[in-house]
Protein backbone atom coordinates (compact mmCIF):
# COMPACT_ATOMS: atom_id res chain seq x y z
CA UNK A 1 102.74 95.68 119.35
CA UNK A 2 99.72 97.36 120.94
CA UNK A 3 98.08 100.50 120.75
CA UNK A 4 97.92 102.84 123.79
CA UNK A 5 96.24 106.17 124.36
CA UNK A 6 95.72 108.23 127.56
CA UNK A 7 93.87 111.58 128.11
CA UNK A 8 93.63 113.86 131.10
CA UNK A 9 91.92 117.26 130.73
CA UNK A 10 88.52 119.20 131.15
CA UNK A 11 86.76 117.39 128.12
CA UNK A 12 85.07 113.96 128.10
CA UNK A 13 88.03 111.39 127.99
CA UNK A 14 86.09 108.73 125.88
CA UNK A 15 85.91 111.09 122.74
CA UNK A 16 89.71 111.16 122.50
CA UNK A 17 90.16 107.48 123.69
CA UNK A 18 88.24 106.04 120.88
CA UNK A 19 89.38 108.45 118.38
CA UNK A 20 92.99 107.72 119.29
CA UNK A 21 92.44 103.87 119.18
CA UNK A 22 91.01 104.21 115.86
CA UNK A 23 94.26 105.44 114.57
CA UNK A 24 96.16 102.88 116.16
CA UNK A 25 94.01 99.81 115.61
CA UNK A 26 96.72 98.80 112.85
CA UNK A 27 98.86 98.15 115.91
CA UNK A 28 96.49 95.34 117.05
CA UNK A 29 92.98 94.37 116.61
CA UNK A 30 92.35 91.16 118.80
CA UNK A 31 90.59 93.22 121.46
CA UNK A 32 90.21 96.75 122.82
CA UNK A 33 89.42 98.51 125.92
CA UNK A 34 89.10 101.72 127.89
CA UNK A 35 89.25 102.80 131.57
CA UNK A 36 87.58 106.10 132.71
CA UNK A 37 87.48 107.69 136.20
CA UNK A 38 83.86 108.84 136.66
CA UNK A 39 84.36 110.65 139.94
CA UNK A 40 83.59 107.58 142.19
CA UNK A 41 85.48 104.68 140.68
CA UNK A 42 87.38 103.75 137.66
CA UNK A 43 85.09 102.10 135.08
CA UNK A 44 86.69 99.68 132.79
CA UNK A 45 84.95 98.55 129.55
CA UNK A 46 86.74 96.15 127.18
CA UNK A 47 85.69 93.67 124.22
CA UNK A 48 87.14 90.90 122.11
CA UNK A 49 87.41 91.79 118.53
CA UNK A 50 87.94 95.22 116.80
CA UNK A 51 87.35 98.53 118.06
CA UNK A 52 83.90 98.65 116.61
CA UNK A 53 82.86 95.77 119.23
CA UNK A 54 83.77 98.09 121.96
CA UNK A 55 81.92 100.96 120.67
CA UNK A 56 78.81 98.83 120.10
CA UNK A 57 79.19 97.67 123.85
CA UNK A 58 79.22 101.29 125.36
CA UNK A 59 77.03 103.11 123.02
CA UNK A 60 74.05 103.29 125.27
CA UNK A 61 75.81 103.88 128.39
CA UNK A 62 79.07 105.83 127.55
CA UNK A 63 81.68 106.11 130.55
CA UNK A 64 81.68 109.92 131.72
CA UNK A 65 84.83 111.38 133.16
CA UNK A 66 87.76 113.45 132.03
CA UNK A 67 90.72 111.17 132.56
CA UNK A 68 91.16 107.78 131.15
CA UNK A 69 93.29 105.29 129.23
CA UNK A 70 92.72 103.01 126.28
CA UNK A 71 94.14 100.01 124.50
CA UNK A 72 93.90 97.99 121.26
CA UNK A 73 95.69 94.60 121.66
CA UNK A 74 97.63 92.00 119.44
CA UNK A 75 97.85 88.93 121.71
CA UNK A 76 101.27 87.72 122.99
CA UNK A 77 100.24 86.18 126.52
CA UNK A 78 96.72 84.82 126.41
CA UNK A 79 94.10 84.31 123.65
CA UNK A 80 92.18 87.23 122.48
CA UNK A 81 89.20 87.48 124.79
CA UNK A 82 87.19 89.77 126.88
CA UNK A 83 89.02 89.08 130.10
CA UNK A 84 92.50 89.20 128.24
CA UNK A 85 91.88 92.55 126.78
CA UNK A 86 93.41 95.74 128.41
CA UNK A 87 93.19 97.67 130.61
CA UNK A 88 93.82 95.47 133.57
CA UNK A 89 93.14 96.02 137.23
CA UNK A 90 94.06 94.85 140.64
CA UNK A 91 91.87 93.09 143.23
CA UNK A 92 90.41 96.34 144.65
CA UNK A 93 89.79 98.15 141.06
CA UNK A 94 91.78 101.19 142.30
CA UNK A 95 94.94 100.54 140.07
CA UNK A 96 94.66 100.19 136.31
CA UNK A 97 97.23 99.63 133.65
CA UNK A 98 97.62 99.32 129.92
CA UNK A 99 100.69 97.82 128.52
CA UNK A 100 102.66 97.05 125.26
CA UNK A 101 105.61 94.66 125.43
CA UNK A 102 106.36 91.52 127.47
CA UNK A 103 106.95 91.29 131.31
CA UNK A 104 109.71 88.63 131.09
CA UNK A 105 109.56 87.64 134.86
CA UNK A 106 105.81 87.81 135.12
CA UNK A 107 105.39 83.95 136.28
CA UNK A 108 107.63 84.61 139.20
CA UNK A 109 105.79 87.65 140.30
CA UNK A 110 102.55 86.12 139.76
CA UNK A 111 103.27 83.04 141.80
CA UNK A 112 104.45 85.32 144.62
CA UNK A 113 101.53 87.72 144.28
CA UNK A 114 99.01 84.63 144.43
CA UNK A 115 100.81 83.55 147.64
CA UNK A 116 99.99 86.82 149.17
CA UNK A 117 96.22 86.43 148.34
CA UNK A 118 96.08 88.23 144.99
CA UNK A 119 93.40 86.68 142.59
CA UNK A 120 93.99 87.03 138.84
CA UNK A 121 91.26 87.11 136.21
CA UNK A 122 93.43 86.87 132.97
CA UNK A 123 96.12 84.91 131.35
CA UNK A 124 98.18 88.08 130.60
CA UNK A 125 101.53 89.03 131.78
CA UNK A 126 100.13 92.63 132.17
CA UNK A 127 97.71 92.04 134.92
CA UNK A 128 100.63 91.19 137.46
CA UNK A 129 101.62 95.03 137.01
CA UNK A 130 98.18 96.14 138.43
CA UNK A 131 98.45 93.65 141.22
CA UNK A 132 102.24 94.61 142.04
CA UNK A 133 101.14 98.25 142.22
CA UNK A 134 98.46 97.47 144.79
CA UNK A 135 100.98 95.17 146.76
CA UNK A 136 103.58 97.85 146.85
CA UNK A 137 101.32 100.92 147.41
CA UNK A 138 102.78 103.22 149.87
CA UNK A 139 100.27 106.19 149.73
CA UNK A 140 102.23 107.77 147.00
CA UNK A 141 101.34 106.86 143.26
CA UNK A 142 104.59 107.94 141.85
CA UNK A 143 106.75 106.33 144.47
CA UNK A 144 104.66 103.20 144.22
CA UNK A 145 105.10 103.06 140.49
CA UNK A 146 108.86 103.48 140.68
CA UNK A 147 108.77 100.42 143.15
CA UNK A 148 106.85 98.54 140.56
CA UNK A 149 109.38 99.20 137.92
CA UNK A 150 112.17 98.04 140.10
CA UNK A 151 110.77 94.79 140.23
CA UNK A 152 109.70 93.96 136.60
CA UNK A 153 111.92 92.84 133.92
CA UNK A 154 111.25 93.10 130.16
CA UNK A 155 110.32 95.42 127.46
CA UNK A 156 107.31 97.74 127.83
CA UNK A 157 105.42 100.87 127.48
CA UNK A 158 103.12 101.41 130.45
CA UNK A 159 100.55 103.87 131.57
CA UNK A 160 99.18 103.69 135.12
CA UNK A 161 95.73 105.26 136.52
CA UNK A 162 94.91 105.29 140.12
CA UNK A 163 91.58 106.04 141.87
CA UNK A 164 93.44 107.27 144.87
CA UNK A 165 95.10 110.10 142.77
CA UNK A 166 92.72 110.43 139.96
CA UNK A 167 93.98 113.74 138.71
CA UNK A 168 97.12 112.28 136.96
CA UNK A 169 98.33 109.53 134.65
CA UNK A 170 101.82 108.14 135.05
CA UNK A 171 103.68 106.62 131.81
CA UNK A 172 106.96 105.03 131.22
CA UNK A 173 108.83 103.11 128.59
CA UNK A 174 111.44 100.55 127.93
CA UNK A 175 112.34 99.34 124.28
CA UNK A 176 108.77 100.30 123.33
CA UNK A 177 107.47 103.74 121.91
CA UNK A 178 105.56 106.28 123.94
CA UNK A 179 104.60 109.71 123.02
CA UNK A 180 103.03 112.58 125.05
CA UNK A 181 100.93 115.09 123.27
CA UNK A 182 101.13 118.71 124.76
CA UNK A 183 97.62 120.39 124.96
CA UNK A 184 96.07 123.54 126.59
CA UNK A 185 94.26 122.44 129.82
CA UNK A 186 94.71 118.86 128.48
CA UNK A 187 97.36 116.53 127.62
CA UNK A 188 97.60 113.19 125.67
CA UNK A 189 99.47 109.85 125.70
CA UNK A 190 99.84 107.46 122.85
CA UNK A 191 102.10 104.81 121.59
CA UNK A 192 102.24 106.32 118.18
CA UNK A 193 101.72 109.99 116.64
CA UNK A 194 98.63 109.32 114.46
CA UNK A 195 96.55 109.04 117.53
CA UNK A 196 97.12 112.47 118.77
CA UNK A 197 98.00 114.74 115.51
CA UNK A 198 94.39 115.89 115.30
CA UNK A 199 94.72 117.24 118.87
CA UNK A 200 98.27 118.59 118.79
CA UNK A 201 101.35 118.60 116.94
CA UNK A 202 103.45 119.46 119.97
CA UNK A 203 104.88 116.40 121.75
CA UNK A 204 107.51 114.74 123.95
CA UNK A 205 109.02 111.39 122.76
CA UNK A 206 110.01 109.61 125.86
CA UNK A 207 113.36 107.66 126.11
CA UNK A 208 113.91 104.52 127.74
CA UNK A 209 113.78 104.59 131.55
CA UNK A 210 111.99 108.05 131.63
CA UNK A 211 108.89 108.34 133.69
CA UNK A 212 106.19 110.96 133.24
CA UNK A 213 103.67 112.17 135.42
CA UNK A 214 100.85 113.83 133.43
CA UNK A 215 97.88 116.17 134.68
CA UNK A 216 95.77 118.46 132.52
CA UNK A 217 98.07 121.38 133.23
CA UNK A 218 101.49 119.89 133.56
CA UNK A 219 103.92 117.21 132.43
CA UNK A 220 106.81 116.39 134.57
CA UNK A 221 109.43 113.95 133.25
CA UNK A 222 112.22 112.35 135.30
CA UNK A 223 114.69 109.65 134.94
CA UNK A 224 114.91 106.32 136.80
CA UNK A 225 116.25 107.85 139.83
CA UNK A 226 113.67 110.68 140.11
CA UNK A 227 115.90 113.50 138.67
CA UNK A 228 114.24 116.09 136.47
CA UNK A 229 114.82 115.49 132.65
CA UNK A 230 114.72 118.53 130.28
CA UNK A 231 112.94 117.50 127.09
CA UNK A 232 112.93 119.21 123.72
CA UNK A 233 109.46 119.58 122.22
CA UNK A 234 109.09 117.62 118.86
CA UNK A 235 106.85 119.35 116.37
CA UNK A 236 105.00 116.89 114.18
CA UNK A 237 105.70 118.13 110.61
CA UNK A 238 103.25 116.00 108.76
CA UNK A 239 99.42 116.56 108.24
CA UNK A 240 96.80 114.82 110.06
CA UNK A 241 95.38 113.69 106.62
CA UNK A 242 98.66 111.87 105.82
CA UNK A 243 97.18 109.33 108.43
CA UNK A 244 93.67 108.79 106.66
CA UNK A 245 92.91 106.99 103.53
CA UNK A 246 92.67 110.12 101.33
CA UNK A 247 89.83 108.60 99.33
CA UNK A 248 91.34 105.26 98.63
CA UNK A 249 89.58 102.26 99.46
CA UNK A 250 92.43 100.89 101.68
CA UNK A 251 95.47 102.37 103.23
CA UNK A 252 97.73 99.78 101.31
CA UNK A 253 96.49 101.20 97.95
CA UNK A 254 97.01 104.54 99.09
CA UNK A 255 100.57 103.87 100.17
CA UNK A 256 101.31 102.19 97.00
CA UNK A 257 100.28 105.29 95.13
CA UNK A 258 102.36 107.55 97.41
CA UNK A 259 105.54 105.88 96.36
CA UNK A 260 106.37 108.51 93.93
CA UNK A 261 106.18 111.20 96.38
CA UNK A 262 107.95 108.97 99.17
CA UNK A 263 110.85 108.19 96.67
CA UNK A 264 111.12 111.98 95.56
CA UNK A 265 111.23 112.96 99.27
CA UNK A 266 113.82 110.36 100.29
CA UNK A 267 115.91 111.61 97.66
CA UNK A 268 115.44 115.28 98.33
CA UNK A 269 118.45 117.29 99.53
CA UNK A 270 120.64 114.15 99.08
CA UNK A 271 121.66 114.71 95.46
CA UNK A 272 124.00 117.67 94.76
CA UNK A 273 122.47 120.52 92.66
CA UNK A 274 124.89 119.65 89.96
CA UNK A 275 123.43 115.97 89.86
CA UNK A 276 127.08 114.60 89.98
CA UNK A 277 127.25 113.27 93.66
CA UNK A 278 125.41 112.12 96.55
CA UNK A 279 125.58 114.32 99.70
CA UNK A 280 124.60 112.71 103.18
CA UNK A 281 125.12 115.53 105.62
CA UNK A 282 123.67 112.94 108.31
CA UNK A 283 127.02 111.03 108.07
CA UNK A 284 129.83 113.01 106.91
CA UNK A 285 131.92 109.81 106.61
CA UNK A 286 135.70 110.00 105.08
CA UNK A 287 137.99 107.37 103.53
CA UNK A 288 139.61 106.72 106.68
CA UNK A 289 136.54 105.78 108.58
CA UNK A 290 135.13 103.60 105.65
CA UNK A 291 138.51 101.89 105.26
CA UNK A 292 138.48 100.92 108.98
CA UNK A 293 135.85 98.31 108.10
CA UNK A 294 136.55 94.96 106.68
CA UNK A 295 132.94 93.85 106.57
CA UNK A 296 129.30 95.13 106.60
CA UNK A 297 126.37 93.31 108.35
CA UNK A 298 122.84 94.30 107.36
CA UNK A 299 120.35 93.08 109.85
CA UNK A 300 116.61 93.27 109.61
CA UNK A 301 113.34 91.52 109.61
CA UNK A 302 110.40 90.74 107.06
CA UNK A 303 110.26 93.33 104.18
CA UNK A 304 113.05 95.22 105.73
CA UNK A 305 115.31 92.16 105.34
CA UNK A 306 114.15 91.94 101.64
CA UNK A 307 115.44 95.42 101.39
CA UNK A 308 118.71 94.54 103.03
CA UNK A 309 119.27 91.76 100.46
CA UNK A 310 119.06 94.44 97.71
CA UNK A 311 121.23 96.70 99.70
CA UNK A 312 123.79 94.07 99.98
CA UNK A 313 123.89 93.64 96.15
CA UNK A 314 124.35 97.47 95.95
CA UNK A 315 127.16 97.80 98.33
CA UNK A 316 129.03 94.95 97.12
CA UNK A 317 128.62 95.84 93.52
CA UNK A 318 129.56 99.65 93.92
CA UNK A 319 131.60 99.63 96.99
CA UNK A 320 133.47 96.16 96.85
CA UNK A 321 133.17 95.54 100.62
CA UNK A 322 131.85 92.08 101.76
CA UNK A 323 128.29 92.20 103.24
CA UNK A 324 126.29 89.75 105.34
CA UNK A 325 122.57 89.97 105.55
CA UNK A 326 121.08 88.16 108.47
CA UNK A 327 117.48 88.02 109.94
CA UNK A 328 117.56 89.72 113.20
CA UNK A 329 115.65 86.90 114.98
CA UNK A 330 118.37 84.45 114.18
CA UNK A 331 121.29 87.02 114.66
CA UNK A 332 120.22 87.47 118.21
CA UNK A 333 120.74 83.86 119.01
CA UNK A 334 124.18 82.90 117.57
CA UNK A 335 127.76 84.01 118.04
CA UNK A 336 128.47 86.21 115.03
CA UNK A 337 131.98 87.32 114.09
CA UNK A 338 131.79 91.13 114.39
CA UNK A 339 134.08 93.59 116.15
CA UNK A 340 135.23 97.23 115.88
CA UNK A 341 135.99 96.69 112.19
CA UNK A 342 132.39 96.02 111.44
CA UNK A 343 129.75 98.41 110.06
CA UNK A 344 126.56 97.07 111.31
CA UNK A 345 123.41 98.46 109.35
CA UNK A 346 119.90 97.83 110.80
CA UNK A 347 116.69 98.56 108.91
CA UNK A 348 113.37 99.00 110.39
CA UNK A 349 110.41 101.11 109.22
CA UNK A 350 108.90 101.68 112.46
CA UNK A 351 112.29 101.88 114.33
CA UNK A 352 110.78 99.60 117.05
CA UNK A 353 111.21 96.23 115.90
CA UNK A 354 112.19 94.29 118.83
CA UNK A 355 114.52 91.64 117.40
CA UNK A 356 116.45 94.30 115.16
CA UNK A 357 116.79 96.62 118.14
CA UNK A 358 118.15 93.73 120.27
CA UNK A 359 120.58 92.79 117.42
CA UNK A 360 121.52 96.52 117.20
CA UNK A 361 122.40 96.50 120.92
CA UNK A 362 124.42 93.37 120.89
CA UNK A 363 126.43 94.69 117.82
CA UNK A 364 127.44 97.85 119.87
CA UNK A 365 128.33 95.54 122.85
CA UNK A 366 130.83 93.74 120.53
CA UNK A 367 132.38 97.00 119.44
CA UNK A 368 130.66 97.45 115.91
CA UNK A 369 129.79 100.97 114.45
CA UNK A 370 126.15 101.03 113.84
CA UNK A 371 123.90 102.83 111.27
CA UNK A 372 120.00 102.78 111.24
CA UNK A 373 117.92 103.16 108.33
CA UNK A 374 114.37 103.89 109.55
CA UNK A 375 111.27 105.98 108.69
CA UNK A 376 110.42 107.21 112.30
CA UNK A 377 112.20 110.12 113.77
CA UNK A 378 112.88 109.64 117.49
CA UNK A 379 112.23 105.88 117.28
CA UNK A 380 114.22 103.46 119.63
CA UNK A 381 116.48 102.25 116.83
CA UNK A 382 117.18 105.73 115.72
CA UNK A 383 118.22 106.85 119.26
CA UNK A 384 120.15 103.73 119.89
CA UNK A 385 122.30 103.60 116.68
CA UNK A 386 125.51 105.47 116.42
CA UNK A 387 124.15 107.23 113.23
CA UNK A 388 120.93 107.30 111.45
CA UNK A 389 119.57 108.00 107.94
CA UNK A 390 115.81 108.45 107.37
CA UNK A 391 113.52 107.34 104.64
CA UNK A 392 111.20 110.16 104.18
CA UNK A 393 108.23 107.90 103.47
CA UNK A 394 105.67 109.61 105.97
CA UNK A 395 103.35 107.29 107.98
CA UNK A 396 102.73 103.88 106.80
CA UNK A 397 99.55 102.55 108.14
CA UNK A 398 98.77 99.25 106.25
CA UNK A 399 100.38 96.32 107.77
CA UNK A 400 101.88 95.22 104.47
CA UNK A 401 104.66 97.40 103.76
CA UNK A 402 104.83 99.16 100.40
CA UNK A 403 106.28 102.56 100.25
CA UNK A 404 108.70 101.79 103.27
CA UNK A 405 110.26 99.09 101.05
CA UNK A 406 110.79 101.21 98.04
CA UNK A 407 112.27 103.98 100.04
CA UNK A 408 114.66 101.75 101.94
CA UNK A 409 115.99 100.60 98.45
CA UNK A 410 116.39 104.14 97.48
CA UNK A 411 118.46 104.88 100.62
CA UNK A 412 120.50 101.84 100.16
CA UNK A 413 121.50 102.64 96.67
CA UNK A 414 122.26 106.38 97.60
CA UNK A 415 124.23 105.06 100.53
CA UNK A 416 126.26 102.71 98.30
CA UNK A 417 126.77 105.44 95.81
CA UNK A 418 127.96 107.71 98.83
CA UNK A 419 130.32 105.13 100.04
CA UNK A 420 131.68 104.58 96.47
CA UNK A 421 132.41 108.16 96.07
CA UNK A 422 134.42 108.32 99.28
CA UNK A 423 136.41 105.05 98.44
CA UNK A 424 136.63 105.69 94.59
CA UNK A 425 135.38 102.34 93.76
CA UNK A 426 133.17 103.89 90.97
CA UNK A 427 134.16 106.58 88.53
CA UNK A 428 132.73 110.10 88.93
CA UNK A 429 131.29 109.65 85.26
CA UNK A 430 129.42 106.32 86.34
CA UNK A 431 128.19 107.78 89.75
CA UNK A 432 126.63 110.93 87.75
CA UNK A 433 125.08 108.42 85.26
CA UNK A 434 123.37 106.49 87.92
CA UNK A 435 122.21 109.49 89.71
CA UNK A 436 120.67 110.67 86.48
CA UNK A 437 118.73 107.45 86.30
CA UNK A 438 117.81 107.53 89.92
CA UNK A 439 116.32 111.02 89.36
CA UNK A 440 113.84 109.62 86.79
CA UNK A 441 112.57 106.79 89.36
CA UNK A 442 109.62 108.81 90.82
CA UNK A 443 108.19 109.49 87.33
CA UNK A 444 108.81 105.98 86.28
CA UNK A 445 106.84 104.58 89.32
CA UNK A 446 104.12 106.85 88.38
CA UNK A 447 104.18 105.37 84.90
CA UNK A 448 103.93 101.91 86.36
CA UNK A 449 100.84 102.91 88.46
CA UNK A 450 99.05 104.62 85.69
CA UNK A 451 97.65 101.43 84.10
CA UNK A 452 96.57 98.87 86.70
CA UNK A 453 93.95 97.07 84.65
CA UNK A 454 96.02 94.08 83.29
CA UNK A 455 97.03 93.34 86.99
CA UNK A 456 93.52 93.49 88.08
CA UNK A 457 92.72 91.06 85.32
CA UNK A 458 95.55 88.54 86.36
CA UNK A 459 94.41 88.89 89.91
CA UNK A 460 90.88 88.01 89.14
CA UNK A 461 92.03 85.02 86.83
CA UNK A 462 94.53 83.41 89.29
CA UNK A 463 93.20 84.93 92.73
CA UNK A 464 91.81 81.56 93.86
CA UNK A 465 94.80 79.57 93.20
CA UNK A 466 96.30 77.48 96.24
CA UNK A 467 99.88 78.00 95.29
CA UNK A 468 101.84 80.87 93.28
CA UNK A 469 105.55 80.45 92.74
CA UNK A 470 107.95 83.40 92.10
CA UNK A 471 111.32 82.86 90.45
CA UNK A 472 114.28 85.23 89.42
CA UNK A 473 118.00 85.51 89.40
CA UNK A 474 120.17 88.05 91.11
CA UNK A 475 118.33 91.30 91.98
CA UNK A 476 115.19 89.72 90.56
CA UNK A 477 115.21 87.08 93.20
CA UNK A 478 115.56 89.44 96.08
CA UNK A 479 112.43 91.23 94.65
CA UNK A 480 110.63 87.82 94.03
CA UNK A 481 110.96 87.26 97.96
CA UNK A 482 109.33 90.49 98.67
CA UNK A 483 106.60 89.82 95.99
CA UNK A 484 105.78 86.57 97.50
CA UNK A 485 105.68 87.92 100.95
CA UNK A 486 103.24 90.66 99.81
CA UNK A 487 100.93 87.81 98.38
CA UNK A 488 100.88 85.45 101.23
CA UNK A 489 100.50 88.07 103.93
CA UNK A 490 97.44 89.79 102.62
CA UNK A 491 95.61 87.25 100.40
CA UNK A 492 96.73 84.02 102.33
CA UNK A 493 97.63 82.26 99.11
CA UNK A 494 100.60 79.98 99.75
CA UNK A 495 103.34 81.83 97.76
CA UNK A 496 106.93 80.94 97.57
CA UNK A 497 109.97 82.46 95.97
CA UNK A 498 112.98 80.61 94.40
CA UNK A 499 116.26 81.39 92.95
CA UNK A 500 115.58 80.23 89.26
CA UNK A 501 118.84 78.39 89.04
CA UNK A 502 117.64 76.16 91.89
CA UNK A 503 114.63 74.64 90.02
CA UNK A 504 116.34 71.46 89.30
CA UNK A 505 117.29 70.90 92.89
CA UNK A 506 113.70 70.16 94.12
CA UNK A 507 111.36 72.92 93.26
CA UNK A 508 110.47 71.45 89.96
CA UNK A 509 108.64 68.91 91.67
CA UNK A 510 105.89 71.53 92.78
CA UNK A 511 105.38 72.72 89.23
CA UNK A 512 102.16 71.11 87.82
CA UNK A 513 99.63 71.95 85.27
CA UNK A 514 98.00 75.45 85.60
CA UNK A 515 100.12 76.58 88.66
CA UNK A 516 100.88 80.38 88.46
CA UNK A 517 104.68 81.27 88.25
CA UNK A 518 105.54 84.92 88.44
CA UNK A 519 109.00 85.10 86.65
CA UNK A 520 111.12 88.23 86.87
CA UNK A 521 113.54 88.67 83.99
CA UNK A 522 114.88 92.31 84.32
CA UNK A 523 118.45 91.64 84.91
CA UNK A 524 120.35 91.64 81.58
CA UNK A 525 123.19 90.01 83.05
CA UNK A 526 121.30 86.78 83.65
CA UNK A 527 118.59 87.27 81.19
CA UNK A 528 119.32 84.15 79.17
CA UNK A 529 119.56 81.88 82.16
CA UNK A 530 116.48 83.07 83.53
CA UNK A 531 114.83 82.38 79.94
CA UNK A 532 116.08 78.96 80.36
CA UNK A 533 114.31 78.46 83.65
CA UNK A 534 111.14 80.01 82.42
CA UNK A 535 111.16 77.26 79.55
CA UNK A 536 111.60 74.64 82.37
CA UNK A 537 108.39 75.63 84.10
CA UNK A 538 106.50 75.95 80.92
CA UNK A 539 107.32 72.60 79.94
CA UNK A 540 105.48 71.38 83.00
CA UNK A 541 102.39 73.63 82.05
CA UNK A 542 102.69 76.28 84.52
CA UNK A 543 101.06 79.41 83.78
CA UNK A 544 103.57 82.06 83.64
CA UNK A 545 103.49 86.00 84.08
CA UNK A 546 106.82 87.62 83.23
CA UNK A 547 108.09 90.90 84.62
CA UNK A 548 110.25 92.60 82.13
CA UNK A 549 111.53 96.09 81.34
CA UNK A 550 110.13 98.04 78.41
CA UNK A 551 111.86 97.05 75.16
CA UNK A 552 112.20 93.49 75.91
CA UNK A 553 110.15 91.76 72.90
CA UNK A 554 111.85 88.37 73.59
CA UNK A 555 110.07 87.40 76.95
CA UNK A 556 106.60 87.41 75.69
CA UNK A 557 107.46 84.54 73.35
CA UNK A 558 107.95 82.19 76.28
CA UNK A 559 105.28 83.39 78.90
CA UNK A 560 101.56 83.58 79.04
CA UNK A 561 101.26 87.30 80.22
CA UNK A 562 103.63 90.09 80.53
CA UNK A 563 103.87 93.22 82.89
CA UNK A 564 106.28 95.71 81.71
CA UNK A 565 108.02 98.44 83.80
CA UNK A 566 110.02 101.47 82.44
CA UNK A 567 113.48 100.72 81.22
CA UNK A 568 116.31 102.00 83.48
CA UNK A 569 119.73 100.88 84.60
CA UNK A 570 119.35 97.26 85.85
CA UNK A 571 120.60 98.38 89.17
CA UNK A 572 117.45 100.33 89.81
CA UNK A 573 114.85 97.93 88.16
CA UNK A 574 114.06 96.36 91.38
CA UNK A 575 112.64 99.64 92.60
CA UNK A 576 110.19 99.72 89.71
CA UNK A 577 109.63 95.70 89.54
CA UNK A 578 108.16 95.43 92.91
CA UNK A 579 105.38 97.77 92.18
CA UNK A 580 103.27 95.43 89.80
CA UNK A 581 104.04 92.70 92.42
CA UNK A 582 102.42 94.78 95.08
CA UNK A 583 99.51 95.60 93.18
CA UNK A 584 99.10 91.94 92.06
CA UNK A 585 99.24 91.08 95.85
CA UNK A 586 96.44 93.74 96.68
CA UNK A 587 94.07 92.93 93.92
CA UNK A 588 94.34 89.34 94.71
CA UNK A 589 93.50 90.01 98.38
CA UNK A 590 90.42 91.82 97.02
CA UNK A 591 89.40 89.13 94.68
CA UNK A 592 89.49 86.72 97.62
CA UNK A 593 87.58 89.16 99.97
CA UNK A 594 90.36 89.65 102.38
CA UNK A 595 90.77 92.43 104.99
CA UNK A 596 93.81 94.03 103.10
CA UNK A 597 94.76 96.55 105.93
CA UNK A 598 94.30 94.17 108.64
CA UNK A 599 95.47 90.73 107.67
CA UNK A 600 94.85 87.98 110.09
CA UNK A 601 97.48 87.09 112.82
CA UNK A 602 99.54 89.99 111.93
CA UNK A 603 100.14 93.72 113.02
CA UNK A 604 102.32 96.53 111.86
CA UNK A 605 105.13 96.95 114.30
CA UNK A 606 106.61 93.88 115.81
CA UNK A 607 107.73 95.10 119.11
CA UNK A 608 107.75 91.89 120.94
CA UNK A 609 109.49 88.66 120.16
């Protein structure tokens, strides 16, 4: 999950390389580096730490040249250090490479190269690619790169640079994203669109196995066999400003406040004009298709997994089909019972999550029909799935996902309604009622965001506690899991979520005087049971912050503080209830002085195991 950029043109390469890397630093910030051909040699400069360290290092001696590559790293092989930072070179310094992914057979290749006299500087798997290119060099840059690709195994985005053919860059991908930006007299390479949208909106999105030779005036794309590939130009349709903070202190806060728009955009064109049904032109399913499935799997990681738990509830409640939810990293390594009668749904904001992509491929191999829920058009998961529906959340930069989660919930709710319409498991009157409530959600999120002062107060009061517990039942428990994840990943507080009914089975041992407990009590169907569990933790002198819907006057009798969200159908309350939990995590991290957008040890897109 690293950031890659490349430039070839008539301008100074460094300007774009540093600009592009600054937009991709959310993909990795253990170290950063650039390589620029200066007319005589390829000059490599790199530094451990964030991009600012590299800027400081070269500020008095900026590399000059009009072709170059850059990289910002999230470590997989080898600790963060100057020597492990990318770009990596061969023994001669003539061949340079940047890489995102993992070369699975690198140890075997490295041993062979060492026997042949190659000397390695780093602990990385990437360095073997540069040495391998030196080893197989046959006088032709492109042919030699193809030979390298025949020998390496794994997942990768790779950009190659060669002193012996210094007018071009060569790039390729397998299971990791890579985009080529089309300019005039200059062209760009990046692992994600934010790096290039200030320079161009016209792009090629590479598919697995494709190889591009990029010069300042041309882009030639071929498949693994060297056969020409005709690509459609993908026009980026969101503003450059969408990848900026827009006046907010952090991307996370900006993205929390973008949720009303993101939810509205995701719903747009999927609700019939009369408001009585859901239309999903992307799918065009019928009753025969849906009735061919006897089970549904939802597979995802992290926040997307938590969205899948809510999705399970929606589908089982409205469609009456059994649903299993699995963590993708676990699903990969067991023998699941899936076949042609399984609908396999994968969820990934980036569409590049490595474990989720592997699970998707395995499900297809076993005959399942596949559906992707993702935010990124043209992503690997979107291309691999049989069908795809998009959340229209716009780019999400902060590592801690917020608007992606809420739009995933919206999409799951609409998908469940769409399926229920087809299978006739919910009456038309109930569907119209739920759609009417759904249409109010953007305004209700805005209302929830309008008064954050109580949440700031709670964060300051409890932000230095070592432990925080979340409890809830049913959908509230699913939201509690996401609330706890948000708090732990950006504030580093030990936060855990528990099904409230399980307190007596061990968890009560952890409840001591003064420990904060966030209690979600939005579900009327289990409300009295949840109140009973809240009384249990209060009896152990916990400090309880309750989450309830407007109109609930009972909860405040049993808790120390209450945060209210607008009243709506209980199926939609998870979409509202998560918002104060996002804000609580954000302000707790601020209270503790944490780097909200770049939490330690984490990066945005997990594109390696």
